[in-house]
Protein backbone atom coordinates (compact mmCIF):
# COMPACT_ATOMS: atom_id res chain seq x y z
CA MET A 1 22.08 -19.45 0.78
CA ALA A 2 22.18 -16.16 2.69
CA LEU A 3 21.97 -18.01 6.01
CA ALA A 4 24.80 -20.37 5.02
CA LEU A 5 26.98 -17.41 4.05
CA SER A 6 26.00 -15.62 7.24
CA ALA A 7 27.46 -18.57 9.19
CA ALA A 8 30.70 -18.04 7.28
CA LEU A 9 31.18 -14.58 8.76
CA ASN A 10 34.29 -14.67 10.93
CA ASN A 11 35.14 -18.20 9.67
CA GLN A 12 32.33 -19.98 11.51
CA LEU A 13 31.61 -22.25 8.52
CA SER A 14 33.59 -24.95 6.78
CA VAL A 15 32.63 -24.91 3.09
CA GLU A 16 33.20 -28.66 2.85
CA SER A 17 30.82 -29.49 5.70
CA SER A 18 28.10 -26.98 4.89
CA SER A 19 25.00 -27.03 2.75
CA LEU A 20 26.49 -24.25 0.64
CA ALA A 21 26.93 -26.46 -2.45
CA SER A 22 23.28 -27.53 -2.49
CA ASP A 23 22.18 -23.97 -1.65
CA LEU A 24 24.20 -22.63 -4.60
CA GLU A 25 22.82 -25.35 -6.90
CA TRP A 26 19.25 -24.40 -6.03
CA PHE A 27 20.01 -20.67 -6.27
CA PHE A 28 21.68 -20.98 -9.70
CA SER A 29 18.85 -23.14 -11.09
CA TRP A 30 16.29 -20.62 -9.90
CA LYS A 31 18.20 -17.57 -11.20
CA LEU A 32 19.13 -19.17 -14.55
CA LYS A 33 15.41 -19.32 -15.37
CA ALA A 34 15.28 -15.51 -15.10
CA CYS A 35 18.56 -14.92 -16.93
CA TYR A 36 18.54 -13.39 -20.39
CA ALA A 37 19.84 -16.24 -22.52
CA PRO A 38 18.91 -18.01 -25.77
CA GLU A 39 17.15 -20.71 -23.72
CA TYR A 40 16.47 -21.81 -20.14
CA TYR A 41 19.27 -23.51 -18.23
CA TRP A 42 19.41 -25.50 -15.01
CA CYS A 43 22.17 -26.36 -12.55
CA ASP A 44 22.92 -29.99 -11.65
CA GLY A 45 25.64 -29.44 -9.05
CA VAL A 46 28.30 -27.16 -7.65
CA GLU A 47 31.82 -28.19 -6.67
CA ASP A 48 35.28 -26.81 -5.93
CA ILE A 49 33.80 -23.87 -4.01
CA GLU A 50 36.23 -21.21 -2.85
CA LEU A 51 34.77 -18.67 -0.47
CA LYS A 52 36.62 -15.54 0.60
CA GLN A 53 35.29 -12.84 2.90
CA VAL A 54 36.31 -9.48 1.37
CA GLY A 55 34.27 -7.09 3.51
CA LYS A 56 32.20 -7.05 6.66
CA TYR A 57 29.21 -8.60 4.84
CA GLU A 58 30.77 -9.31 1.43
CA PHE A 59 32.06 -12.55 -0.06
CA GLN A 60 33.80 -13.53 -3.25
CA ILE A 61 32.80 -16.97 -4.50
CA THR A 62 34.40 -19.06 -7.23
CA ALA A 63 33.26 -22.55 -8.14
CA MET A 64 32.61 -25.05 -10.89
CA VAL A 65 28.99 -25.68 -11.82
CA TRP A 66 27.33 -28.36 -13.89
CA ILE A 67 24.72 -26.70 -16.12
CA GLY A 68 22.81 -27.46 -19.26
CA PRO A 69 19.75 -26.49 -21.25
CA GLU A 70 16.35 -27.53 -19.91
CA SER A 71 15.47 -28.69 -23.42
CA ASN A 72 18.07 -31.49 -23.21
CA VAL A 73 18.82 -32.66 -19.66
CA ASN A 74 21.48 -35.06 -21.01
CA ASP A 75 23.60 -32.12 -22.24
CA ILE A 76 25.30 -31.16 -18.95
CA ASN A 77 28.61 -29.31 -19.00
CA LYS A 78 31.02 -28.04 -16.39
CA ALA A 79 31.36 -24.27 -16.27
CA ASN A 80 33.31 -21.74 -14.24
CA VAL A 81 31.46 -19.26 -12.01
CA ILE A 82 32.78 -16.24 -10.17
CA GLY A 83 30.75 -13.85 -8.10
CA ASN A 84 30.37 -11.40 -5.27
CA VAL A 85 27.63 -11.45 -2.65
CA VAL A 86 26.80 -8.73 -0.15
CA LEU A 87 24.55 -9.76 2.74
CA LYS A 88 22.18 -7.47 4.56
CA PRO A 89 23.42 -6.84 8.13
CA THR A 90 20.77 -9.25 9.47
CA GLY A 91 22.41 -12.08 7.50
CA LYS A 92 19.02 -13.34 6.34
CA ALA A 93 18.96 -11.89 2.82
CA PHE A 94 21.10 -10.45 0.04
CA LYS A 95 21.76 -6.77 -0.35
CA SER A 96 23.29 -7.49 -3.77
CA TYR A 97 25.00 -10.20 -5.78
CA GLN A 98 26.64 -10.67 -9.13
CA PHE A 99 27.61 -14.04 -10.61
CA ILE A 100 29.09 -14.64 -14.04
CA ILE A 101 28.91 -18.18 -15.39
CA SER A 102 31.19 -18.89 -18.36
CA TYR A 103 29.14 -21.47 -20.26
CA ARG A 104 30.47 -22.51 -23.66
CA ASN A 105 30.78 -19.21 -25.55
CA ASP A 106 28.27 -17.35 -23.38
CA LYS A 107 28.58 -15.30 -20.21
CA LEU A 108 25.45 -15.80 -18.12
CA ALA A 109 24.98 -12.95 -15.62
CA LEU A 110 22.95 -13.39 -12.44
CA VAL A 111 22.63 -9.96 -10.83
CA LYS A 112 20.82 -8.18 -8.06
CA SER A 113 21.94 -4.62 -7.41
């Protein structure tokens, strides 16, 4: 995901034609397993991605995600996500990120500071 965002620096990436949606899906599934929540969740897709560069290496991302509990893979719901990502100057890793997923009545926080 860091490499896809790195390509977006200076508008070198079209969100629609990139692998960003699948990169975000993988990233959210991986991070949701480490999130403090009543149970484990997984991500089944990301759509309606809006990407805005707000600093030299910083992006604001909003999107809709399909998530649900791992205990019932048939219970998938659409949820809103908003976040900020700061890349390391190399563009190969994250310096920090914060995503908040509004899922049902919960706020799931995925954070690296």
